[in-house]
């Protein structure tokens, strides 16, 4: 059974030594206990529910990228949010969003615990593919395709001009980082570009990277939708 994610606001620093690595059974420090060790893509269209202070009483939804197993046994959904990938339950931004739960569109059902089949999938996978021990250089553990239409926004002139690049895949590294992989058009030799292609590079490592946008918003921006452009301008200027 997966652990429930802890409420960081109520955690006690003195309890960090009580968190045990699910494999070595040794105490984990606070830095390492939430390190991601395995991911599973969300292929059934499940979403995260969130709210924000600008729209009290209203819920919004966002497609889940994947589910992640942490080193301490915690499992949560991962969401590309602003300029990073975050566990859904850690979303606690008064302006941009608070996590409120998960939503299964197929069954029209809101819920708060990680689905049991996702727990079983991740725990079985990590038993079959044991976590890689610490190495001097981080290596690729997994690479999954992006199935939710994520785009990375690049700009080299303070948003006077922007480039929206489709995220091809996501790589999990042995140090727990989850990186968005986008194609360098100058290096593309085969199409369509698939996960693992040599033309891919990590968006977050690019000096011009600023934000992630999801499929609907990214395409509205591409098509010059006034509301989407206004929201984007507010984000940049804010």
C-alpha atoms as a PDB file:
ATOM      1  CA  UNK A   1       0.000   0.000   0.000  1.00  0.00           C
ATOM      2  CA  UNK A   2       1.378   3.390  -0.975  1.00  0.00           C
ATOM      3  CA  UNK A   3       2.001   5.950   1.718  1.00  0.00           C
ATOM      4  CA  UNK A   4      -0.198   9.014   1.906  1.00  0.00           C
ATOM      5  CA  UNK A   5       1.794  12.148   1.002  1.00  0.00           C
ATOM      6  CA  UNK A   6       2.638  14.109   4.116  1.00  0.00           C
ATOM      7  CA  UNK A   7       1.318  17.578   4.843  1.00  0.00           C
ATOM      8  CA  UNK A   8       4.551  19.543   4.767  1.00  0.00           C
ATOM      9  CA  UNK A   9       2.979  22.395   6.706  1.00  0.00           C
ATOM     10  CA  UNK A  10       2.377  20.078   9.662  1.00  0.00           C
ATOM     11  CA  UNK A  11       5.602  18.096   9.509  1.00  0.00           C
ATOM     12  CA  UNK A  12       8.058  18.183  12.377  1.00  0.00           C
ATOM     13  CA  UNK A  13      11.731  18.530  11.491  1.00  0.00           C
ATOM     14  CA  UNK A  14      12.550  16.138  14.313  1.00  0.00           C
ATOM     15  CA  UNK A  15      10.583  13.385  12.582  1.00  0.00           C
ATOM     16  CA  UNK A  16      12.778  13.263   9.477  1.00  0.00           C
ATOM     17  CA  UNK A  17      14.840  10.440  10.915  1.00  0.00           C
ATOM     18  CA  UNK A  18      11.698   8.302  11.122  1.00  0.00           C
ATOM     19  CA  UNK A  19      11.287   8.187   7.335  1.00  0.00           C
ATOM     20  CA  UNK A  20      12.730   4.927   6.008  1.00  0.00           C
ATOM     21  CA  UNK A  21      13.985   4.094   2.510  1.00  0.00           C
ATOM     22  CA  UNK A  22      11.542   1.459   1.244  1.00  0.00           C
ATOM     23  CA  UNK A  23      14.425  -0.615  -0.161  1.00  0.00           C
ATOM     24  CA  UNK A  24      17.467  -0.145   2.079  1.00  0.00           C
ATOM     25  CA  UNK A  25      15.342   0.296   5.250  1.00  0.00           C
ATOM     26  CA  UNK A  26      17.743   3.050   6.302  1.00  0.00           C
ATOM     27  CA  UNK A  27      16.639   6.523   7.457  1.00  0.00           C
ATOM     28  CA  UNK A  28      16.141   9.122   4.726  1.00  0.00           C
ATOM     29  CA  UNK A  29      16.979  12.771   5.115  1.00  0.00           C
ATOM     30  CA  UNK A  30      14.375  15.357   4.121  1.00  0.00           C
ATOM     31  CA  UNK A  31      16.130  16.149   0.845  1.00  0.00           C
ATOM     32  CA  UNK A  32      16.051  12.568  -0.433  1.00  0.00           C
ATOM     33  CA  UNK A  33      12.776  11.217   0.906  1.00  0.00           C
ATOM     34  CA  UNK A  34      10.700  12.711  -1.930  1.00  0.00           C
ATOM     35  CA  UNK A  35      13.131  11.725  -4.691  1.00  0.00           C
ATOM     36  CA  UNK A  36      11.248  10.129  -7.582  1.00  0.00           C
ATOM     37  CA  UNK A  37      12.375   6.596  -8.407  1.00  0.00           C
ATOM     38  CA  UNK A  38       9.698   5.363 -10.835  1.00  0.00           C
ATOM     39  CA  UNK A  39       6.991   6.863 -13.046  1.00  0.00           C
ATOM     40  CA  UNK A  40       3.963   5.441 -14.863  1.00  0.00           C
ATOM     41  CA  UNK A  41       2.186   7.376 -17.635  1.00  0.00           C
ATOM     42  CA  UNK A  42      -1.472   8.266 -17.129  1.00  0.00           C
ATOM     43  CA  UNK A  43      -3.255   6.735 -20.113  1.00  0.00           C
ATOM     44  CA  UNK A  44      -6.889   6.848 -18.988  1.00  0.00           C
ATOM     45  CA  UNK A  45      -7.345  10.607 -19.050  1.00  0.00           C
ATOM     46  CA  UNK A  46      -7.443  11.160 -15.291  1.00  0.00           C
ATOM     47  CA  UNK A  47      -7.125  14.761 -14.176  1.00  0.00           C
ATOM     48  CA  UNK A  48      -6.077  16.864 -11.219  1.00  0.00           C
ATOM     49  CA  UNK A  49      -8.641  19.194  -9.664  1.00  0.00           C
ATOM     50  CA  UNK A  50      -7.445  22.558  -8.403  1.00  0.00           C
ATOM     51  CA  UNK A  51      -8.741  25.930  -7.285  1.00  0.00           C
ATOM     52  CA  UNK A  52      -7.295  29.412  -7.018  1.00  0.00           C
ATOM     53  CA  UNK A  53      -8.008  32.504  -4.971  1.00  0.00           C
ATOM     54  CA  UNK A  54      -9.027  34.527  -8.016  1.00  0.00           C
ATOM     55  CA  UNK A  55     -12.073  32.287  -8.560  1.00  0.00           C
ATOM     56  CA  UNK A  56     -13.442  31.296  -5.138  1.00  0.00           C
ATOM     57  CA  UNK A  57     -15.841  28.372  -5.180  1.00  0.00           C
ATOM     58  CA  UNK A  58     -14.777  27.236  -8.646  1.00  0.00           C
ATOM     59  CA  UNK A  59     -12.801  24.111  -9.559  1.00  0.00           C
ATOM     60  CA  UNK A  60     -10.536  23.665 -12.563  1.00  0.00           C
ATOM     61  CA  UNK A  61      -9.062  20.493 -14.020  1.00  0.00           C
ATOM     62  CA  UNK A  62      -5.747  19.637 -15.634  1.00  0.00           C
ATOM     63  CA  UNK A  63      -4.654  16.394 -17.249  1.00  0.00           C
ATOM     64  CA  UNK A  64      -2.231  14.273 -15.246  1.00  0.00           C
ATOM     65  CA  UNK A  65       1.080  13.551 -16.966  1.00  0.00           C
ATOM     66  CA  UNK A  66       2.027  10.476 -14.953  1.00  0.00           C
ATOM     67  CA  UNK A  67       2.113   8.930 -11.493  1.00  0.00           C
ATOM     68  CA  UNK A  68       5.348   8.908  -9.514  1.00  0.00           C
ATOM     69  CA  UNK A  69       6.714   6.684  -6.772  1.00  0.00           C
ATOM     70  CA  UNK A  70       8.980   8.475  -4.308  1.00  0.00           C
ATOM     71  CA  UNK A  71      11.855   6.957  -2.398  1.00  0.00           C
ATOM     72  CA  UNK A  72       9.865   6.931   0.845  1.00  0.00           C
ATOM     73  CA  UNK A  73       6.996   4.988  -0.770  1.00  0.00           C
ATOM     74  CA  UNK A  74       4.738   7.982  -1.405  1.00  0.00           C
ATOM     75  CA  UNK A  75       2.864   8.017  -4.725  1.00  0.00           C
ATOM     76  CA  UNK A  76       1.358  11.079  -6.369  1.00  0.00           C
ATOM     77  CA  UNK A  77       0.414  12.469  -9.771  1.00  0.00           C
ATOM     78  CA  UNK A  78       2.887  14.717 -11.598  1.00  0.00           C
ATOM     79  CA  UNK A  79       1.806  17.917 -13.333  1.00  0.00           C
ATOM     80  CA  UNK A  80       3.831  20.273 -15.566  1.00  0.00           C
ATOM     81  CA  UNK A  81       3.143  23.546 -13.739  1.00  0.00           C
ATOM     82  CA  UNK A  82       4.596  26.923 -14.709  1.00  0.00           C
ATOM     83  CA  UNK A  83       8.327  26.178 -15.065  1.00  0.00           C
ATOM     84  CA  UNK A  84       8.648  22.802 -13.341  1.00  0.00           C
ATOM     85  CA  UNK A  85       7.056  19.408 -12.788  1.00  0.00           C
ATOM     86  CA  UNK A  86       5.331  19.129  -9.414  1.00  0.00           C
ATOM     87  CA  UNK A  87       3.516  16.445  -7.400  1.00  0.00           C
ATOM     88  CA  UNK A  88      -0.171  17.345  -7.456  1.00  0.00           C
ATOM     89  CA  UNK A  89      -0.600  17.425  -3.675  1.00  0.00           C
ATOM     90  CA  UNK A  90       2.255  19.913  -3.344  1.00  0.00           C
ATOM     91  CA  UNK A  91       0.422  22.467  -5.461  1.00  0.00           C
ATOM     92  CA  UNK A  92      -0.242  25.256  -2.989  1.00  0.00           C
ATOM     93  CA  UNK A  93       0.031  28.586  -4.764  1.00  0.00           C
ATOM     94  CA  UNK A  94      -2.608  31.154  -3.687  1.00  0.00           C
ATOM     95  CA  UNK A  95      -2.481  32.945  -7.045  1.00  0.00           C
ATOM     96  CA  UNK A  96      -2.149  30.031  -9.440  1.00  0.00           C
ATOM     97  CA  UNK A  97      -3.626  27.003  -7.728  1.00  0.00           C
ATOM     98  CA  UNK A  98      -4.308  24.663  -4.809  1.00  0.00           C
ATOM     99  CA  UNK A  99      -4.676  20.896  -5.189  1.00  0.00           C
ATOM    100  CA  UNK A 100      -8.253  19.785  -4.514  1.00  0.00           C
ATOM    101  CA  UNK A 101      -8.254  16.140  -5.619  1.00  0.00           C
ATOM    102  CA  UNK A 102      -8.278  13.916  -8.687  1.00  0.00           C
ATOM    103  CA  UNK A 103     -11.002  13.312 -11.267  1.00  0.00           C
ATOM    104  CA  UNK A 104     -11.864  10.252 -13.349  1.00  0.00           C
ATOM    105  CA  UNK A 105     -13.823  11.467 -16.388  1.00  0.00           C
ATOM    106  CA  UNK A 106     -14.742   7.945 -17.474  1.00  0.00           C
ATOM    107  CA  UNK A 107     -16.675   7.306 -14.263  1.00  0.00           C
ATOM    108  CA  UNK A 108     -17.460  10.979 -13.525  1.00  0.00           C
ATOM    109  CA  UNK A 109     -15.873  10.510 -10.120  1.00  0.00           C
ATOM    110  CA  UNK A 110     -13.773  12.800  -7.929  1.00  0.00           C
ATOM    111  CA  UNK A 111     -11.418  11.151  -5.445  1.00  0.00           C
ATOM    112  CA  UNK A 112      -8.503  11.900  -3.140  1.00  0.00           C
ATOM    113  CA  UNK A 113      -6.381   8.753  -2.946  1.00  0.00           C
ATOM    114  CA  UNK A 114      -4.096   7.307  -5.610  1.00  0.00           C
ATOM    115  CA  UNK A 115      -5.939   4.583  -7.584  1.00  0.00           C
ATOM    116  CA  UNK A 116      -5.027   1.095  -6.416  1.00  0.00           C
ATOM    117  CA  UNK A 117      -4.115  -0.081  -9.913  1.00  0.00           C
ATOM    118  CA  UNK A 118      -1.551   2.727 -10.171  1.00  0.00           C
ATOM    119  CA  UNK A 119      -0.105   1.798  -6.792  1.00  0.00           C
ATOM    120  CA  UNK A 120       0.214  -1.837  -7.862  1.00  0.00           C
ATOM    121  CA  UNK A 121       1.755  -0.885 -11.211  1.00  0.00           C
ATOM    122  CA  UNK A 122       4.457   1.306  -9.689  1.00  0.00           C
ATOM    123  CA  UNK A 123       5.304  -0.964  -6.777  1.00  0.00           C
ATOM    124  CA  UNK A 124       5.536  -4.027  -9.021  1.00  0.00           C
ATOM    125  CA  UNK A 125       7.636  -2.132 -11.559  1.00  0.00           C
ATOM    126  CA  UNK A 126      10.108  -0.880  -8.974  1.00  0.00           C
ATOM    127  CA  UNK A 127      10.493  -4.409  -7.618  1.00  0.00           C
ATOM    128  CA  UNK A 128      11.244  -5.661 -11.126  1.00  0.00           C
ATOM    129  CA  UNK A 129      13.534  -2.711 -11.941  1.00  0.00           C
ATOM    130  CA  UNK A 130      15.278  -1.894  -8.635  1.00  0.00           C
ATOM    131  CA  UNK A 131      16.330   1.745  -8.152  1.00  0.00           C
ATOM    132  CA  UNK A 132      19.787   2.601  -9.431  1.00  0.00           C
ATOM    133  CA  UNK A 133      22.312   3.217  -6.697  1.00  0.00           C
ATOM    134  CA  UNK A 134      23.849   6.673  -6.392  1.00  0.00           C
ATOM    135  CA  UNK A 135      26.333   7.359  -9.181  1.00  0.00           C
ATOM    136  CA  UNK A 136      28.704  10.217  -9.915  1.00  0.00           C
ATOM    137  CA  UNK A 137      26.648  11.121 -12.975  1.00  0.00           C
ATOM    138  CA  UNK A 138      22.859  10.890 -13.239  1.00  0.00           C
ATOM    139  CA  UNK A 139      21.687   8.323 -15.779  1.00  0.00           C
ATOM    140  CA  UNK A 140      18.357   7.809 -17.533  1.00  0.00           C
ATOM    141  CA  UNK A 141      16.034   5.466 -15.636  1.00  0.00           C
ATOM    142  CA  UNK A 142      12.909   5.850 -17.786  1.00  0.00           C
ATOM    143  CA  UNK A 143      11.602   7.828 -20.718  1.00  0.00           C
ATOM    144  CA  UNK A 144       7.875   8.082 -21.356  1.00  0.00           C
ATOM    145  CA  UNK A 145       6.050   9.859 -24.191  1.00  0.00           C
ATOM    146  CA  UNK A 146       4.137  13.035 -23.471  1.00  0.00           C
ATOM    147  CA  UNK A 147       0.465  12.161 -23.913  1.00  0.00           C
ATOM    148  CA  UNK A 148      -1.147  15.431 -22.784  1.00  0.00           C
ATOM    149  CA  UNK A 149       0.172  17.878 -25.384  1.00  0.00           C
ATOM    150  CA  UNK A 150       2.625  19.771 -23.183  1.00  0.00           C
ATOM    151  CA  UNK A 151       4.524  22.642 -24.801  1.00  0.00           C
ATOM    152  CA  UNK A 152       7.628  24.463 -23.577  1.00  0.00           C
ATOM    153  CA  UNK A 153       7.880  28.185 -24.149  1.00  0.00           C
ATOM    154  CA  UNK A 154      11.267  29.587 -25.131  1.00  0.00           C
ATOM    155  CA  UNK A 155      12.221  33.227 -25.476  1.00  0.00           C
ATOM    156  CA  UNK A 156      15.570  34.953 -25.837  1.00  0.00           C
ATOM    157  CA  UNK A 157      14.329  38.546 -25.803  1.00  0.00           C
ATOM    158  CA  UNK A 158      12.178  38.899 -22.679  1.00  0.00           C
ATOM    159  CA  UNK A 159       8.982  37.663 -24.400  1.00  0.00           C
ATOM    160  CA  UNK A 160       9.100  40.094 -27.320  1.00  0.00           C
ATOM    161  CA  UNK A 161       9.079  36.927 -29.416  1.00  0.00           C
ATOM    162  CA  UNK A 162       8.333  33.405 -28.229  1.00  0.00           C
ATOM    163  CA  UNK A 163       8.699  29.870 -29.521  1.00  0.00           C
ATOM    164  CA  UNK A 164       6.267  27.141 -28.450  1.00  0.00           C
ATOM    165  CA  UNK A 165       7.890  23.714 -28.701  1.00  0.00           C
ATOM    166  CA  UNK A 166       6.003  20.447 -28.328  1.00  0.00           C
ATOM    167  CA  UNK A 167       7.363  18.188 -25.587  1.00  0.00           C
ATOM    168  CA  UNK A 168       8.090  14.773 -27.095  1.00  0.00           C
ATOM    169  CA  UNK A 169       8.867  12.846 -23.930  1.00  0.00           C
ATOM    170  CA  UNK A 170       9.829  12.978 -20.267  1.00  0.00           C
ATOM    171  CA  UNK A 171      12.992  11.455 -18.836  1.00  0.00           C
ATOM    172  CA  UNK A 172      13.382  10.309 -15.265  1.00  0.00           C
ATOM    173  CA  UNK A 173      16.992  10.421 -14.106  1.00  0.00           C
ATOM    174  CA  UNK A 174      18.572   8.457 -11.293  1.00  0.00           C
ATOM    175  CA  UNK A 175      18.813  11.621  -9.176  1.00  0.00           C
ATOM    176  CA  UNK A 176      15.018  12.025  -9.301  1.00  0.00           C
ATOM    177  CA  UNK A 177      14.793  14.791 -11.894  1.00  0.00           C
ATOM    178  CA  UNK A 178      11.995  14.583 -14.469  1.00  0.00           C
ATOM    179  CA  UNK A 179      13.004  16.473 -17.607  1.00  0.00           C
ATOM    180  CA  UNK A 180      10.898  17.559 -20.586  1.00  0.00           C
ATOM    181  CA  UNK A 181      12.548  16.477 -23.831  1.00  0.00           C
ATOM    182  CA  UNK A 182      12.061  18.619 -26.936  1.00  0.00           C
ATOM    183  CA  UNK A 183      13.496  18.266 -30.427  1.00  0.00           C
ATOM    184  CA  UNK A 184      16.289  20.357 -31.883  1.00  0.00           C
ATOM    185  CA  UNK A 185      14.952  20.890 -35.412  1.00  0.00           C
ATOM    186  CA  UNK A 186      18.475  21.150 -36.799  1.00  0.00           C
ATOM    187  CA  UNK A 187      19.275  17.634 -35.594  1.00  0.00           C
ATOM    188  CA  UNK A 188      16.085  15.845 -36.639  1.00  0.00           C
ATOM    189  CA  UNK A 189      16.821  12.994 -39.041  1.00  0.00           C
ATOM    190  CA  UNK A 190      13.785  10.747 -38.590  1.00  0.00           C
ATOM    191  CA  UNK A 191      10.116  11.626 -38.201  1.00  0.00           C
ATOM    192  CA  UNK A 192       8.044  11.430 -36.203  1.00  0.00           C
ATOM    193  CA  UNK A 193      10.511  12.121 -33.428  1.00  0.00           C
ATOM    194  CA  UNK A 194      10.201   9.358 -30.835  1.00  0.00           C
ATOM    195  CA  UNK A 195      11.355   9.138 -27.201  1.00  0.00           C
ATOM    196  CA  UNK A 196      15.063   8.414 -27.035  1.00  0.00           C
ATOM    197  CA  UNK A 197      15.900  10.186 -30.299  1.00  0.00           C
ATOM    198  CA  UNK A 198      19.343  11.790 -30.344  1.00  0.00           C
ATOM    199  CA  UNK A 199      17.857  15.127 -31.420  1.00  0.00           C
ATOM    200  CA  UNK A 200      16.103  15.576 -28.066  1.00  0.00           C
ATOM    201  CA  UNK A 201      17.340  17.909 -25.353  1.00  0.00           C
ATOM    202  CA  UNK A 202      16.012  18.839 -21.907  1.00  0.00           C
ATOM    203  CA  UNK A 203      13.885  21.980 -22.068  1.00  0.00           C
ATOM    204  CA  UNK A 204      14.606  22.940 -18.453  1.00  0.00           C
ATOM    205  CA  UNK A 205      18.337  23.039 -19.216  1.00  0.00           C
ATOM    206  CA  UNK A 206      17.904  25.494 -22.093  1.00  0.00           C
ATOM    207  CA  UNK A 207      18.787  29.077 -21.225  1.00  0.00           C
ATOM    208  CA  UNK A 208      15.710  30.396 -23.055  1.00  0.00           C
ATOM    209  CA  UNK A 209      13.178  28.120 -21.321  1.00  0.00           C
ATOM    210  CA  UNK A 210      10.574  29.848 -19.154  1.00  0.00           C
ATOM    211  CA  UNK A 211       7.260  27.979 -18.846  1.00  0.00           C
ATOM    212  CA  UNK A 212       5.219  24.911 -19.692  1.00  0.00           C
ATOM    213  CA  UNK A 213       1.820  25.264 -21.319  1.00  0.00           C
ATOM    214  CA  UNK A 214      -0.777  22.580 -21.780  1.00  0.00           C
ATOM    215  CA  UNK A 215      -2.286  21.546 -25.099  1.00  0.00           C
ATOM    216  CA  UNK A 216      -5.395  23.737 -25.144  1.00  0.00           C
ATOM    217  CA  UNK A 217      -3.718  26.932 -23.949  1.00  0.00           C
ATOM    218  CA  UNK A 218      -0.666  26.415 -26.160  1.00  0.00           C
ATOM    219  CA  UNK A 219      -2.831  26.081 -29.251  1.00  0.00           C
ATOM    220  CA  UNK A 220      -4.956  29.080 -28.309  1.00  0.00           C
ATOM    221  CA  UNK A 221      -1.770  31.144 -28.044  1.00  0.00           C
ATOM    222  CA  UNK A 222      -0.614  29.820 -31.427  1.00  0.00           C
ATOM    223  CA  UNK A 223      -3.928  30.892 -32.956  1.00  0.00           C
ATOM    224  CA  UNK A 224      -3.860  34.331 -31.348  1.00  0.00           C
ATOM    225  CA  UNK A 225      -6.828  33.800 -29.017  1.00  0.00           C
ATOM    226  CA  UNK A 226      -7.338  37.143 -27.181  1.00  0.00           C
ATOM    227  CA  UNK A 227      -8.176  35.610 -23.782  1.00  0.00           C
ATOM    228  CA  UNK A 228      -5.225  33.221 -23.903  1.00  0.00           C
ATOM    229  CA  UNK A 229      -2.866  36.003 -24.938  1.00  0.00           C
ATOM    230  CA  UNK A 230      -4.187  38.234 -22.155  1.00  0.00           C
ATOM    231  CA  UNK A 231      -3.661  35.468 -19.588  1.00  0.00           C
ATOM    232  CA  UNK A 232      -0.165  34.857 -20.920  1.00  0.00           C
ATOM    233  CA  UNK A 233       0.645  38.569 -20.724  1.00  0.00           C
ATOM    234  CA  UNK A 234      -0.627  38.671 -17.135  1.00  0.00           C
ATOM    235  CA  UNK A 235       1.582  35.693 -16.242  1.00  0.00           C
ATOM    236  CA  UNK A 236       4.668  37.269 -17.791  1.00  0.00           C
ATOM    237  CA  UNK A 237       4.105  40.697 -16.292  1.00  0.00           C
ATOM    238  CA  UNK A 238       3.123  39.284 -12.914  1.00  0.00           C
END
